[in-house]
Structures are given as structure tokens and as C-alpha cells.
Amino acid sequence: MILRSNNPLIIAAFISTLAGTYSGSAVSNCPSGVKAWHTIHGLNRALNDTEMEALLKVASSLAPPQSRKPPREPYTMNTVIAIRNHLDLSTPLHIAVFACLTTAFYATAHTEELTTRT
């Protein structure tokens, strides 16, 4: 979604629609993109940094508890091997799962960031 508005009410409404649904860091990424777009095109932003910080602070405080995940243990080679031992690599689904797992592992990405929930 691209938000190309320099109207402070629209940008504030956009941030407030995200508040309470996403984590504070996820909410702050969206206006950062809007800010970058304005900077690249040499335009003034509708909200100054103080207003933006205030909105993002409120949005962060409204983040649902499930958006804050505790740190997880990293995947190790033993984890990959244990998962591999439960897969049947003669089926396309299991091949795809293992390919995704090894790609994420070797790219040092979090599995959740590489795949969708379903």
C-alpha cells in the first residue's frame, strides 16, 4: 500500500488505524516509508517529527499482547535434522517444507519472516 498524502489528518488516521492491531515496530515502519517517499521526492512532510513520535508512542502502547513475542531459541543443525527425520521426502509437500526450512536456516532468516502463516 502506498500512501501519497501530505495531509496531516490522513497520515494521522492511517497510523491510528494500524494502532492496536500491529506491534509498535510494525506500525512505525509504515510512516517511515511515507517519510522516505517524501524525502526522495523533495516534499515536505505533513507531520513533523514530534507529532509523528507522539502518534507512534501511542500506537506502540496500544499494541496487542500477542504482537510481542518472547525471544525464541535459534534453530540449530540438530533442529533441522530432527525435523528432516519426520519428513517423507518422496512427497512434494514435505520436499517444499524441507526446502523452505533449509533456505531459511542457511539464509539465517527467521522462519516466520520467510513464510506465511498458512
N, C-alpha and C. Protein backbone atom coordinates (compact mmCIF):
# COMPACT_ATOMS: atom_id res chain seq x y z
N MET A 1 0.84 -1.18 0.00
CA MET A 1 0.00 0.00 0.00
C MET A 1 0.89 1.24 0.00
N ILE A 2 0.63 2.15 -0.90
CA ILE A 2 1.39 3.38 -0.97
C ILE A 2 0.49 4.52 -0.52
N LEU A 3 0.96 5.25 0.47
CA LEU A 3 0.21 6.39 0.98
C LEU A 3 0.92 7.64 0.53
N ARG A 4 0.36 8.34 -0.45
CA ARG A 4 1.00 9.54 -1.01
C ARG A 4 0.18 10.77 -0.66
N SER A 5 0.06 11.03 0.60
CA SER A 5 -0.70 12.19 1.03
C SER A 5 0.16 13.07 1.90
N ASN A 6 -0.02 14.36 1.76
CA ASN A 6 0.69 15.31 2.60
C ASN A 6 -0.28 15.97 3.57
N ASN A 7 -1.44 15.37 3.73
CA ASN A 7 -2.45 15.88 4.64
C ASN A 7 -2.20 15.26 6.02
N PRO A 8 -1.94 16.08 7.06
CA PRO A 8 -1.63 15.51 8.36
C PRO A 8 -2.77 14.68 8.95
N LEU A 9 -4.01 15.02 8.64
CA LEU A 9 -5.13 14.23 9.16
C LEU A 9 -5.17 12.83 8.55
N ILE A 10 -4.86 12.73 7.27
CA ILE A 10 -4.87 11.43 6.61
C ILE A 10 -3.74 10.55 7.15
N ILE A 11 -2.56 11.14 7.30
CA ILE A 11 -1.44 10.36 7.82
C ILE A 11 -1.70 9.95 9.27
N ALA A 12 -2.24 10.85 10.09
CA ALA A 12 -2.57 10.51 11.48
C ALA A 12 -3.64 9.42 11.53
N ALA A 13 -4.63 9.50 10.65
CA ALA A 13 -5.69 8.47 10.61
C ALA A 13 -5.11 7.14 10.17
N PHE A 14 -4.19 7.18 9.22
CA PHE A 14 -3.54 5.95 8.75
C PHE A 14 -2.80 5.27 9.90
N ILE A 15 -2.03 6.03 10.65
CA ILE A 15 -1.29 5.46 11.79
C ILE A 15 -2.26 4.93 12.83
N SER A 16 -3.32 5.66 13.10
CA SER A 16 -4.25 5.23 14.14
C SER A 16 -5.04 3.98 13.73
N THR A 17 -5.22 3.74 12.42
CA THR A 17 -5.90 2.50 12.02
C THR A 17 -5.01 1.29 12.25
N LEU A 18 -3.70 1.49 12.25
CA LEU A 18 -2.77 0.40 12.50
C LEU A 18 -2.61 0.12 13.99
N ALA A 19 -2.82 1.16 14.80
CA ALA A 19 -2.64 1.04 16.25
C ALA A 19 -3.63 0.02 16.81
N GLY A 20 -3.14 -0.79 17.72
CA GLY A 20 -3.98 -1.79 18.35
C GLY A 20 -4.08 -3.08 17.57
N THR A 21 -3.54 -3.09 16.35
CA THR A 21 -3.57 -4.28 15.52
C THR A 21 -2.19 -4.88 15.34
N TYR A 22 -1.19 -4.02 15.23
CA TYR A 22 0.18 -4.45 14.97
C TYR A 22 1.11 -4.00 16.09
N SER A 23 2.30 -4.58 16.12
CA SER A 23 3.30 -4.18 17.10
C SER A 23 3.75 -2.75 16.82
N GLY A 24 4.35 -2.13 17.82
CA GLY A 24 4.84 -0.77 17.66
C GLY A 24 5.86 -0.65 16.55
N SER A 25 6.74 -1.64 16.42
CA SER A 25 7.76 -1.57 15.37
C SER A 25 7.13 -1.72 13.99
N ALA A 26 6.11 -2.55 13.87
CA ALA A 26 5.42 -2.71 12.58
C ALA A 26 4.72 -1.41 12.20
N VAL A 27 4.08 -0.78 13.17
CA VAL A 27 3.38 0.49 12.89
C VAL A 27 4.38 1.57 12.50
N SER A 28 5.53 1.61 13.16
CA SER A 28 6.50 2.67 12.85
C SER A 28 7.14 2.49 11.49
N ASN A 29 7.14 1.26 10.96
CA ASN A 29 7.71 1.04 9.63
C ASN A 29 6.88 1.71 8.53
N CYS A 30 5.58 1.75 8.69
CA CYS A 30 4.72 2.33 7.64
C CYS A 30 4.96 3.83 7.47
N PRO A 31 4.89 4.64 8.53
CA PRO A 31 5.16 6.06 8.35
C PRO A 31 6.60 6.34 7.94
N SER A 32 7.51 5.45 8.30
CA SER A 32 8.90 5.62 7.86
C SER A 32 8.98 5.54 6.35
N GLY A 33 8.19 4.65 5.77
CA GLY A 33 8.14 4.55 4.32
C GLY A 33 7.56 5.80 3.68
N VAL A 34 6.52 6.34 4.31
CA VAL A 34 5.90 7.58 3.81
C VAL A 34 6.92 8.73 3.90
N LYS A 35 7.64 8.78 5.01
CA LYS A 35 8.66 9.81 5.20
C LYS A 35 9.75 9.69 4.14
N ALA A 36 10.19 8.46 3.88
CA ALA A 36 11.22 8.24 2.86
C ALA A 36 10.73 8.67 1.48
N TRP A 37 9.48 8.35 1.16
CA TRP A 37 8.92 8.74 -0.13
C TRP A 37 8.94 10.26 -0.29
N HIS A 38 8.51 10.97 0.76
CA HIS A 38 8.51 12.43 0.70
C HIS A 38 9.93 12.98 0.56
N THR A 39 10.86 12.39 1.29
CA THR A 39 12.25 12.84 1.22
C THR A 39 12.82 12.62 -0.18
N ILE A 40 12.59 11.46 -0.75
CA ILE A 40 13.10 11.15 -2.08
C ILE A 40 12.57 12.12 -3.12
N HIS A 41 11.32 12.52 -2.98
CA HIS A 41 10.70 13.41 -3.96
C HIS A 41 10.82 14.90 -3.58
N GLY A 42 11.59 15.18 -2.54
CA GLY A 42 11.84 16.57 -2.15
C GLY A 42 10.61 17.30 -1.65
N LEU A 43 9.71 16.58 -1.01
CA LEU A 43 8.48 17.19 -0.50
C LEU A 43 8.54 17.33 1.02
N ASN A 44 7.86 18.33 1.53
CA ASN A 44 7.75 18.47 2.98
C ASN A 44 6.75 17.47 3.49
N ARG A 45 7.02 16.95 4.66
CA ARG A 45 6.09 16.01 5.28
C ARG A 45 5.02 16.78 6.02
N ALA A 46 3.84 16.18 6.06
CA ALA A 46 2.71 16.82 6.72
C ALA A 46 2.89 16.85 8.23
N LEU A 47 3.44 15.78 8.79
CA LEU A 47 3.64 15.70 10.23
C LEU A 47 5.11 15.95 10.55
N ASN A 48 5.35 16.79 11.55
CA ASN A 48 6.74 16.95 11.94
C ASN A 48 7.15 15.78 12.83
N ASP A 49 8.42 15.70 13.13
CA ASP A 49 8.94 14.55 13.88
C ASP A 49 8.31 14.42 15.27
N THR A 50 8.02 15.54 15.92
CA THR A 50 7.42 15.50 17.25
C THR A 50 6.02 14.90 17.20
N GLU A 51 5.22 15.32 16.22
CA GLU A 51 3.87 14.77 16.08
C GLU A 51 3.92 13.28 15.74
N MET A 52 4.85 12.93 14.85
CA MET A 52 4.99 11.53 14.45
C MET A 52 5.40 10.67 15.65
N GLU A 53 6.36 11.13 16.43
CA GLU A 53 6.80 10.37 17.60
C GLU A 53 5.66 10.17 18.59
N ALA A 54 4.84 11.21 18.79
CA ALA A 54 3.71 11.10 19.71
C ALA A 54 2.71 10.05 19.23
N LEU A 55 2.39 10.08 17.95
CA LEU A 55 1.45 9.09 17.40
C LEU A 55 2.01 7.67 17.50
N LEU A 56 3.29 7.52 17.20
CA LEU A 56 3.90 6.19 17.25
C LEU A 56 4.02 5.68 18.68
N LYS A 57 4.23 6.58 19.63
CA LYS A 57 4.29 6.17 21.04
C LYS A 57 2.93 5.63 21.48
N VAL A 58 1.87 6.32 21.10
CA VAL A 58 0.52 5.85 21.44
C VAL A 58 0.25 4.52 20.73
N ALA A 59 0.59 4.43 19.47
CA ALA A 59 0.37 3.18 18.72
C ALA A 59 1.12 2.02 19.36
N SER A 60 2.33 2.28 19.82
CA SER A 60 3.12 1.23 20.47
C SER A 60 2.47 0.79 21.77
N SER A 61 1.92 1.74 22.52
CA SER A 61 1.28 1.38 23.79
C SER A 61 -0.02 0.60 23.58
N LEU A 62 -0.62 0.74 22.40
CA LEU A 62 -1.87 0.03 22.10
C LEU A 62 -1.63 -1.32 21.42
N ALA A 63 -0.38 -1.67 21.21
CA ALA A 63 -0.08 -2.93 20.53
C ALA A 63 -0.66 -4.11 21.30
N PRO A 64 -1.31 -5.02 20.61
CA PRO A 64 -1.89 -6.18 21.30
C PRO A 64 -0.79 -7.05 21.91
N PRO A 65 -1.08 -7.67 23.04
CA PRO A 65 -0.07 -8.50 23.71
C PRO A 65 0.51 -9.60 22.81
N GLN A 66 -0.32 -10.17 21.94
CA GLN A 66 0.17 -11.24 21.07
C GLN A 66 1.17 -10.75 20.03
N SER A 67 1.29 -9.43 19.85
CA SER A 67 2.26 -8.91 18.88
C SER A 67 3.67 -8.88 19.48
N ARG A 68 3.77 -9.02 20.78
CA ARG A 68 5.07 -9.05 21.45
C ARG A 68 5.42 -10.50 21.73
N LYS A 69 6.37 -11.00 20.98
CA LYS A 69 6.74 -12.40 21.13
C LYS A 69 8.03 -12.50 21.95
N PRO A 70 8.07 -13.48 22.84
CA PRO A 70 9.30 -13.67 23.61
C PRO A 70 10.41 -14.19 22.69
N PRO A 71 11.65 -13.96 23.07
CA PRO A 71 12.75 -14.49 22.25
C PRO A 71 12.64 -16.01 22.15
N ARG A 72 12.96 -16.52 20.99
CA ARG A 72 12.89 -17.96 20.76
C ARG A 72 14.30 -18.53 20.61
N GLU A 73 14.41 -19.78 20.93
CA GLU A 73 15.69 -20.45 20.73
C GLU A 73 16.00 -20.50 19.24
N PRO A 74 17.24 -20.30 18.88
CA PRO A 74 17.58 -20.36 17.45
C PRO A 74 17.53 -21.79 16.93
N TYR A 75 17.29 -21.92 15.65
CA TYR A 75 17.36 -23.23 15.03
C TYR A 75 18.84 -23.62 14.96
N THR A 76 19.12 -24.86 15.24
CA THR A 76 20.47 -25.39 15.10
C THR A 76 20.43 -26.48 14.04
N MET A 77 21.59 -26.98 13.71
CA MET A 77 21.65 -28.07 12.75
C MET A 77 20.90 -29.28 13.30
N ASN A 78 20.96 -29.49 14.61
CA ASN A 78 20.23 -30.61 15.22
C ASN A 78 18.72 -30.44 15.05
N THR A 79 18.24 -29.21 15.12
CA THR A 79 16.82 -28.94 14.91
C THR A 79 16.43 -29.30 13.49
N VAL A 80 17.24 -28.87 12.53
CA VAL A 80 16.96 -29.16 11.12
C VAL A 80 16.95 -30.67 10.88
N ILE A 81 17.92 -31.36 11.47
CA ILE A 81 17.99 -32.82 11.30
C ILE A 81 16.78 -33.50 11.93
N ALA A 82 16.37 -33.03 13.11
CA ALA A 82 15.21 -33.62 13.79
C ALA A 82 13.94 -33.43 12.95
N ILE A 83 13.78 -32.26 12.37
CA ILE A 83 12.61 -32.02 11.51
C ILE A 83 12.70 -32.89 10.26
N ARG A 84 13.89 -32.96 9.68
CA ARG A 84 14.11 -33.77 8.47
C ARG A 84 13.73 -35.22 8.71
N ASN A 85 14.03 -35.73 9.91
CA ASN A 85 13.74 -37.13 10.23
C ASN A 85 12.24 -37.42 10.30
N HIS A 86 11.43 -36.38 10.41
CA HIS A 86 9.97 -36.56 10.45
C HIS A 86 9.31 -36.29 9.10
N LEU A 87 10.10 -36.03 8.08
CA LEU A 87 9.56 -35.73 6.76
C LEU A 87 9.74 -36.92 5.83
N ASP A 88 8.83 -37.02 4.88
CA ASP A 88 8.92 -38.03 3.83
C ASP A 88 9.26 -37.29 2.54
N LEU A 89 10.54 -37.31 2.18
CA LEU A 89 10.99 -36.54 1.02
C LEU A 89 10.58 -37.12 -0.32
N SER A 90 9.66 -38.07 -0.30
CA SER A 90 9.09 -38.55 -1.56
C SER A 90 7.77 -37.84 -1.87
N THR A 91 7.31 -36.99 -0.94
CA THR A 91 6.07 -36.25 -1.19
C THR A 91 6.40 -34.77 -1.46
N PRO A 92 5.73 -34.17 -2.42
CA PRO A 92 6.00 -32.78 -2.79
C PRO A 92 5.87 -31.80 -1.61
N LEU A 93 4.86 -31.98 -0.76
CA LEU A 93 4.68 -31.08 0.36
C LEU A 93 5.87 -31.13 1.31
N HIS A 94 6.33 -32.31 1.64
CA HIS A 94 7.46 -32.45 2.55
C HIS A 94 8.75 -31.92 1.93
N ILE A 95 8.89 -32.11 0.62
CA ILE A 95 10.05 -31.55 -0.08
C ILE A 95 10.03 -30.03 0.02
N ALA A 96 8.85 -29.44 -0.20
CA ALA A 96 8.72 -27.99 -0.14
C ALA A 96 9.00 -27.47 1.27
N VAL A 97 8.49 -28.17 2.29
CA VAL A 97 8.73 -27.78 3.68
C VAL A 97 10.23 -27.83 3.98
N PHE A 98 10.88 -28.91 3.58
CA PHE A 98 12.31 -29.04 3.85
C PHE A 98 13.13 -28.00 3.08
N ALA A 99 12.73 -27.70 1.86
CA ALA A 99 13.43 -26.67 1.08
C ALA A 99 13.28 -25.31 1.75
N CYS A 100 12.09 -25.03 2.23
CA CYS A 100 11.85 -23.76 2.93
C CYS A 100 12.68 -23.69 4.21
N LEU A 101 12.68 -24.79 4.95
CA LEU A 101 13.43 -24.84 6.21
C LEU A 101 14.92 -24.63 5.97
N THR A 102 15.48 -25.34 5.02
CA THR A 102 16.92 -25.22 4.79
C THR A 102 17.29 -23.86 4.20
N THR A 103 16.41 -23.30 3.38
CA THR A 103 16.66 -21.95 2.85
C THR A 103 16.67 -20.94 3.98
N ALA A 104 15.67 -21.03 4.86
CA ALA A 104 15.60 -20.11 6.00
C ALA A 104 16.81 -20.30 6.91
N PHE A 105 17.17 -21.54 7.15
CA PHE A 105 18.29 -21.83 8.05
C PHE A 105 19.58 -21.27 7.49
N TYR A 106 19.85 -21.56 6.25
CA TYR A 106 21.12 -21.13 5.68
C TYR A 106 21.14 -19.65 5.32
N ALA A 107 20.01 -19.04 5.18
CA ALA A 107 19.96 -17.60 4.94
C ALA A 107 19.91 -16.83 6.25
N THR A 108 19.92 -17.58 7.36
CA THR A 108 19.84 -17.04 8.71
C THR A 108 18.65 -16.10 8.89
N ALA A 109 17.54 -16.46 8.25
CA ALA A 109 16.30 -15.71 8.39
C ALA A 109 15.44 -16.39 9.43
N HIS A 110 14.54 -15.65 10.05
CA HIS A 110 13.55 -16.26 10.93
C HIS A 110 12.52 -16.94 10.04
N THR A 111 12.14 -18.14 10.39
CA THR A 111 11.20 -18.89 9.56
C THR A 111 9.91 -18.11 9.38
N GLU A 112 9.46 -17.43 10.42
CA GLU A 112 8.22 -16.67 10.36
C GLU A 112 8.28 -15.53 9.35
N GLU A 113 9.45 -14.96 9.15
CA GLU A 113 9.59 -13.85 8.21
C GLU A 113 9.70 -14.33 6.77
N LEU A 114 10.00 -15.59 6.58
CA LEU A 114 10.18 -16.13 5.24
C LEU A 114 8.89 -16.70 4.68
N THR A 115 8.01 -17.17 5.55
CA THR A 115 6.80 -17.85 5.11
C THR A 115 5.55 -17.11 5.59
N THR A 116 4.44 -17.54 5.08
CA THR A 116 3.16 -17.01 5.56
C THR A 116 2.61 -17.95 6.64
N ARG A 117 1.58 -17.53 7.34
CA ARG A 117 1.03 -18.33 8.43
C ARG A 117 0.31 -19.58 7.94
N THR A 118 -0.19 -19.56 6.71
CA THR A 118 -0.93 -20.73 6.21
C THR A 118 -0.33 -21.21 4.90
